[in-house]
PDB file of all heavy atoms in Angstrom:
ATOM      1  N   THR A   1      -2.874  -6.722  -7.517  1.00  0.00           N
ATOM      2  CA  THR A   1      -3.517  -5.434  -7.778  1.00  0.00           C
ATOM      3  C   THR A   1      -2.890  -4.677  -8.939  1.00  0.00           C
ATOM      4  O   THR A   1      -3.231  -3.523  -9.171  1.00  0.00           O
ATOM      5  CB  THR A   1      -3.446  -4.550  -6.519  1.00  0.00           C
ATOM      6  OG1 THR A   1      -2.059  -4.351  -6.174  1.00  0.00           O
ATOM      7  CG2 THR A   1      -4.153  -5.218  -5.355  1.00  0.00           C
ATOM      8  N   GLY A   2      -1.998  -5.299  -9.686  1.00  0.00           N
ATOM      9  CA  GLY A   2      -1.291  -4.598 -10.751  1.00  0.00           C
ATOM     10  C   GLY A   2      -2.194  -4.021 -11.817  1.00  0.00           C
ATOM     11  O   GLY A   2      -1.866  -3.014 -12.434  1.00  0.00           O
ATOM     12  N   ALA A   3      -3.354  -4.660 -12.042  1.00  0.00           N
ATOM     13  CA  ALA A   3      -4.254  -4.189 -13.091  1.00  0.00           C
ATOM     14  C   ALA A   3      -5.170  -3.067 -12.610  1.00  0.00           C
ATOM     15  O   ALA A   3      -6.052  -2.635 -13.342  1.00  0.00           O
ATOM     16  CB  ALA A   3      -5.101  -5.347 -13.607  1.00  0.00           C
ATOM     17  N   MET A   4      -4.951  -2.579 -11.377  1.00  0.00           N
ATOM     18  CA  MET A   4      -5.867  -1.610 -10.793  1.00  0.00           C
ATOM     19  C   MET A   4      -5.280  -0.206 -10.771  1.00  0.00           C
ATOM     20  O   MET A   4      -5.752   0.654 -10.029  1.00  0.00           O
ATOM     21  CB  MET A   4      -6.220  -2.028  -9.359  1.00  0.00           C
ATOM     22  CG  MET A   4      -6.906  -3.366  -9.266  1.00  0.00           C
ATOM     23  SD  MET A   4      -6.935  -3.944  -7.564  1.00  0.00           S
ATOM     24  CE  MET A   4      -7.586  -2.497  -6.735  1.00  0.00           C
ATOM     25  N   THR A   5      -4.291   0.065 -11.570  1.00  0.00           N
ATOM     26  CA  THR A   5      -3.626   1.365 -11.527  1.00  0.00           C
ATOM     27  C   THR A   5      -4.551   2.497 -11.943  1.00  0.00           C
ATOM     28  O   THR A   5      -4.302   3.653 -11.614  1.00  0.00           O
ATOM     29  CB  THR A   5      -2.390   1.363 -12.434  1.00  0.00           C
ATOM     30  OG1 THR A   5      -2.780   0.953 -13.755  1.00  0.00           O
ATOM     31  CG2 THR A   5      -1.331   0.402 -11.900  1.00  0.00           C
ATOM     32  N   GLY A   6      -5.621   2.189 -12.652  1.00  0.00           N
ATOM     33  CA  GLY A   6      -6.536   3.239 -13.091  1.00  0.00           C
ATOM     34  C   GLY A   6      -7.562   3.633 -12.054  1.00  0.00           C
ATOM     35  O   GLY A   6      -8.356   4.543 -12.292  1.00  0.00           O
ATOM     36  N   LEU A   7      -7.575   2.982 -10.899  1.00  0.00           N
ATOM     37  CA  LEU A   7      -8.556   3.312  -9.870  1.00  0.00           C
ATOM     38  C   LEU A   7      -8.247   4.666  -9.244  1.00  0.00           C
ATOM     39  O   LEU A   7      -7.084   5.054  -9.118  1.00  0.00           O
ATOM     40  CB  LEU A   7      -8.551   2.253  -8.766  1.00  0.00           C
ATOM     41  CG  LEU A   7      -9.198   0.901  -9.081  1.00  0.00           C
ATOM     42  CD1 LEU A   7      -9.051  -0.030  -7.894  1.00  0.00           C
ATOM     43  CD2 LEU A   7     -10.665   1.079  -9.428  1.00  0.00           C
ATOM     44  N   PRO A   8      -9.287   5.396  -8.821  1.00  0.00           N
ATOM     45  CA  PRO A   8      -9.050   6.654  -8.095  1.00  0.00           C
ATOM     46  C   PRO A   8      -8.226   6.392  -6.833  1.00  0.00           C
ATOM     47  O   PRO A   8      -8.340   5.331  -6.209  1.00  0.00           O
ATOM     48  CB  PRO A   8     -10.468   7.124  -7.749  1.00  0.00           C
ATOM     49  CG  PRO A   8     -11.348   6.451  -8.754  1.00  0.00           C
ATOM     50  CD  PRO A   8     -10.706   5.121  -9.031  1.00  0.00           C
ATOM     51  N   ALA A   9      -7.423   7.362  -6.448  1.00  0.00           N
ATOM     52  CA  ALA A   9      -6.519   7.196  -5.307  1.00  0.00           C
ATOM     53  C   ALA A   9      -7.226   6.779  -4.024  1.00  0.00           C
ATOM     54  O   ALA A   9      -6.741   5.893  -3.304  1.00  0.00           O
ATOM     55  CB  ALA A   9      -5.720   8.481  -5.092  1.00  0.00           C
ATOM     56  N   PRO A  10      -8.387   7.368  -3.662  1.00  0.00           N
ATOM     57  CA  PRO A  10      -9.046   6.955  -2.413  1.00  0.00           C
ATOM     58  C   PRO A  10      -9.439   5.483  -2.408  1.00  0.00           C
ATOM     59  O   PRO A  10      -9.310   4.795  -1.405  1.00  0.00           O
ATOM     60  CB  PRO A  10     -10.279   7.861  -2.349  1.00  0.00           C
ATOM     61  CG  PRO A  10      -9.939   9.027  -3.198  1.00  0.00           C
ATOM     62  CD  PRO A  10      -9.093   8.480  -4.306  1.00  0.00           C
ATOM     63  N   VAL A  11      -9.912   5.003  -3.567  1.00  0.00           N
ATOM     64  CA  VAL A  11     -10.310   3.596  -3.671  1.00  0.00           C
ATOM     65  C   VAL A  11      -9.082   2.697  -3.556  1.00  0.00           C
ATOM     66  O   VAL A  11      -9.080   1.702  -2.826  1.00  0.00           O
ATOM     67  CB  VAL A  11     -11.040   3.329  -5.002  1.00  0.00           C
ATOM     68  CG1 VAL A  11     -11.399   1.853  -5.129  1.00  0.00           C
ATOM     69  CG2 VAL A  11     -12.276   4.207  -5.109  1.00  0.00           C
ATOM     70  N   ARG A  12      -8.033   3.061  -4.290  1.00  0.00           N
ATOM     71  CA  ARG A  12      -6.827   2.249  -4.294  1.00  0.00           C
ATOM     72  C   ARG A  12      -6.210   2.169  -2.898  1.00  0.00           C
ATOM     73  O   ARG A  12      -5.833   1.090  -2.426  1.00  0.00           O
ATOM     74  CB  ARG A  12      -5.815   2.848  -5.285  1.00  0.00           C
ATOM     75  CG  ARG A  12      -4.636   1.923  -5.594  1.00  0.00           C
ATOM     76  CD  ARG A  12      -3.874   2.396  -6.812  1.00  0.00           C
ATOM     77  NE  ARG A  12      -3.354   3.730  -6.655  1.00  0.00           N
ATOM     78  CZ  ARG A  12      -3.783   4.795  -7.330  1.00  0.00           C
ATOM     79  NH1 ARG A  12      -4.758   4.673  -8.211  1.00  0.00           N
ATOM     80  NH2 ARG A  12      -3.239   5.988  -7.140  1.00  0.00           N
ATOM     81  N   THR A  13      -6.163   3.267  -2.181  1.00  0.00           N
ATOM     82  CA  THR A  13      -5.576   3.288  -0.841  1.00  0.00           C
ATOM     83  C   THR A  13      -6.377   2.418   0.132  1.00  0.00           C
ATOM     84  O   THR A  13      -5.815   1.614   0.885  1.00  0.00           O
ATOM     85  CB  THR A  13      -5.509   4.725  -0.309  1.00  0.00           C
ATOM     86  OG1 THR A  13      -4.699   5.516  -1.182  1.00  0.00           O
ATOM     87  CG2 THR A  13      -4.910   4.759   1.088  1.00  0.00           C
ATOM     88  N   SER A  14      -7.700   2.568   0.105  1.00  0.00           N
ATOM     89  CA  SER A  14      -8.555   1.796   1.017  1.00  0.00           C
ATOM     90  C   SER A  14      -8.500   0.311   0.698  1.00  0.00           C
ATOM     91  O   SER A  14      -8.449  -0.538   1.600  1.00  0.00           O
ATOM     92  CB  SER A  14     -10.007   2.298   0.926  1.00  0.00           C
ATOM     93  OG  SER A  14     -10.097   3.642   1.325  1.00  0.00           O
ATOM     94  N   PHE A  15      -8.493  -0.013  -0.592  1.00  0.00           N
ATOM     95  CA  PHE A  15      -8.484  -1.416  -0.970  1.00  0.00           C
ATOM     96  C   PHE A  15      -7.146  -2.069  -0.646  1.00  0.00           C
ATOM     97  O   PHE A  15      -7.092  -3.221  -0.202  1.00  0.00           O
ATOM     98  CB  PHE A  15      -8.804  -1.558  -2.452  1.00  0.00           C
ATOM     99  CG  PHE A  15      -8.967  -2.982  -2.895  1.00  0.00           C
ATOM    100  CD1 PHE A  15      -9.972  -3.779  -2.371  1.00  0.00           C
ATOM    101  CD2 PHE A  15      -8.104  -3.547  -3.825  1.00  0.00           C
ATOM    102  CE1 PHE A  15     -10.130  -5.091  -2.766  1.00  0.00           C
ATOM    103  CE2 PHE A  15      -8.249  -4.865  -4.217  1.00  0.00           C
ATOM    104  CZ  PHE A  15      -9.269  -5.643  -3.683  1.00  0.00           C
ATOM    105  N   PHE A  16      -6.044  -1.375  -0.866  1.00  0.00           N
ATOM    106  CA  PHE A  16      -4.731  -1.918  -0.525  1.00  0.00           C
ATOM    107  C   PHE A  16      -4.652  -2.218   0.968  1.00  0.00           C
ATOM    108  O   PHE A  16      -4.069  -3.216   1.376  1.00  0.00           O
ATOM    109  CB  PHE A  16      -3.632  -0.933  -0.913  1.00  0.00           C
ATOM    110  CG  PHE A  16      -3.279  -0.976  -2.377  1.00  0.00           C
ATOM    111  CD1 PHE A  16      -4.075  -1.657  -3.286  1.00  0.00           C
ATOM    112  CD2 PHE A  16      -2.145  -0.335  -2.863  1.00  0.00           C
ATOM    113  CE1 PHE A  16      -3.756  -1.697  -4.634  1.00  0.00           C
ATOM    114  CE2 PHE A  16      -1.815  -0.366  -4.212  1.00  0.00           C
ATOM    115  CZ  PHE A  16      -2.632  -1.050  -5.096  1.00  0.00           C
ATOM    116  N   LYS A  17      -5.225  -1.327   1.783  1.00  0.00           N
ATOM    117  CA  LYS A  17      -5.225  -1.560   3.232  1.00  0.00           C
ATOM    118  C   LYS A  17      -5.997  -2.839   3.564  1.00  0.00           C
ATOM    119  O   LYS A  17      -5.550  -3.672   4.366  1.00  0.00           O
ATOM    120  CB  LYS A  17      -5.862  -0.363   3.937  1.00  0.00           C
ATOM    121  CG  LYS A  17      -6.145  -0.567   5.434  1.00  0.00           C
ATOM    122  CD  LYS A  17      -4.876  -0.771   6.246  1.00  0.00           C
ATOM    123  CE  LYS A  17      -5.139  -0.656   7.739  1.00  0.00           C
ATOM    124  NZ  LYS A  17      -6.076  -1.696   8.245  1.00  0.00           N
ATOM    125  N   ALA A  18      -7.150  -3.032   2.924  1.00  0.00           N
ATOM    126  CA  ALA A  18      -7.954  -4.230   3.169  1.00  0.00           C
ATOM    127  C   ALA A  18      -7.211  -5.490   2.734  1.00  0.00           C
ATOM    128  O   ALA A  18      -7.205  -6.506   3.445  1.00  0.00           O
ATOM    129  CB  ALA A  18      -9.292  -4.121   2.436  1.00  0.00           C
ATOM    130  N   LEU A  19      -6.557  -5.449   1.570  1.00  0.00           N
ATOM    131  CA  LEU A  19      -5.807  -6.609   1.098  1.00  0.00           C
ATOM    132  C   LEU A  19      -4.610  -6.905   1.998  1.00  0.00           C
ATOM    133  O   LEU A  19      -4.273  -8.072   2.233  1.00  0.00           O
ATOM    134  CB  LEU A  19      -5.330  -6.395  -0.333  1.00  0.00           C
ATOM    135  CG  LEU A  19      -6.356  -6.552  -1.452  1.00  0.00           C
ATOM    136  CD1 LEU A  19      -5.640  -6.666  -2.793  1.00  0.00           C
ATOM    137  CD2 LEU A  19      -7.250  -7.757  -1.248  1.00  0.00           C
ATOM    138  N   SER A  20      -3.963  -5.869   2.490  1.00  0.00           N
ATOM    139  CA  SER A  20      -2.831  -6.080   3.389  1.00  0.00           C
ATOM    140  C   SER A  20      -3.274  -6.798   4.653  1.00  0.00           C
ATOM    141  O   SER A  20      -2.589  -7.689   5.157  1.00  0.00           O
ATOM    142  CB  SER A  20      -2.189  -4.735   3.748  1.00  0.00           C
ATOM    143  OG  SER A  20      -1.625  -4.131   2.604  1.00  0.00           O
ATOM    144  N   ASP A  21      -4.446  -6.425   5.170  1.00  0.00           N
ATOM    145  CA  ASP A  21      -4.982  -7.111   6.352  1.00  0.00           C
ATOM    146  C   ASP A  21      -5.330  -8.562   6.022  1.00  0.00           C
ATOM    147  O   ASP A  21      -5.068  -9.478   6.808  1.00  0.00           O
ATOM    148  CB  ASP A  21      -6.232  -6.389   6.863  1.00  0.00           C
ATOM    149  CG  ASP A  21      -5.913  -5.044   7.492  1.00  0.00           C
ATOM    150  OD1 ASP A  21      -4.743  -4.832   7.858  1.00  0.00           O
ATOM    151  OD2 ASP A  21      -6.829  -4.213   7.603  1.00  0.00           O
ATOM    152  N   LEU A  22      -5.939  -8.771   4.852  1.00  0.00           N
ATOM    153  CA  LEU A  22      -6.374 -10.111   4.467  1.00  0.00           C
ATOM    154  C   LEU A  22      -5.201 -11.050   4.242  1.00  0.00           C
ATOM    155  O   LEU A  22      -5.199 -12.194   4.703  1.00  0.00           O
ATOM    156  CB  LEU A  22      -7.220 -10.033   3.193  1.00  0.00           C
ATOM    157  CG  LEU A  22      -7.658 -11.371   2.573  1.00  0.00           C
ATOM    158  CD1 LEU A  22      -8.544 -12.159   3.540  1.00  0.00           C
ATOM    159  CD2 LEU A  22      -8.406 -11.126   1.259  1.00  0.00           C
ATOM    160  N   LEU A  23      -4.179 -10.573   3.567  1.00  0.00           N
ATOM    161  CA  LEU A  23      -3.068 -11.445   3.174  1.00  0.00           C
ATOM    162  C   LEU A  23      -1.925 -11.474   4.170  1.00  0.00           C
ATOM    163  O   LEU A  23      -1.087 -12.377   4.125  1.00  0.00           O
ATOM    164  CB  LEU A  23      -2.543 -11.014   1.799  1.00  0.00           C
ATOM    165  CG  LEU A  23      -3.535 -11.142   0.641  1.00  0.00           C
ATOM    166  CD1 LEU A  23      -2.927 -10.602  -0.632  1.00  0.00           C
ATOM    167  CD2 LEU A  23      -3.982 -12.584   0.459  1.00  0.00           C
ATOM    168  N   GLY A  24      -1.881 -10.489   5.065  1.00  0.00           N
ATOM    169  CA  GLY A  24      -0.824 -10.491   6.075  1.00  0.00           C
ATOM    170  C   GLY A  24       0.550 -10.487   5.446  1.00  0.00           C
ATOM    171  O   GLY A  24       0.842  -9.734   4.524  1.00  0.00           O
TER     172      GLY A  24
END
C-alpha cells in the first residue's frame, strides 16, 4: 500500500482494515 499515501483518510483506513483481514 506504499503508493496509496494520497488516498483520503477514510478510504485508507477502511482499505487497510480489509487488507489486514485478507493477509492475516
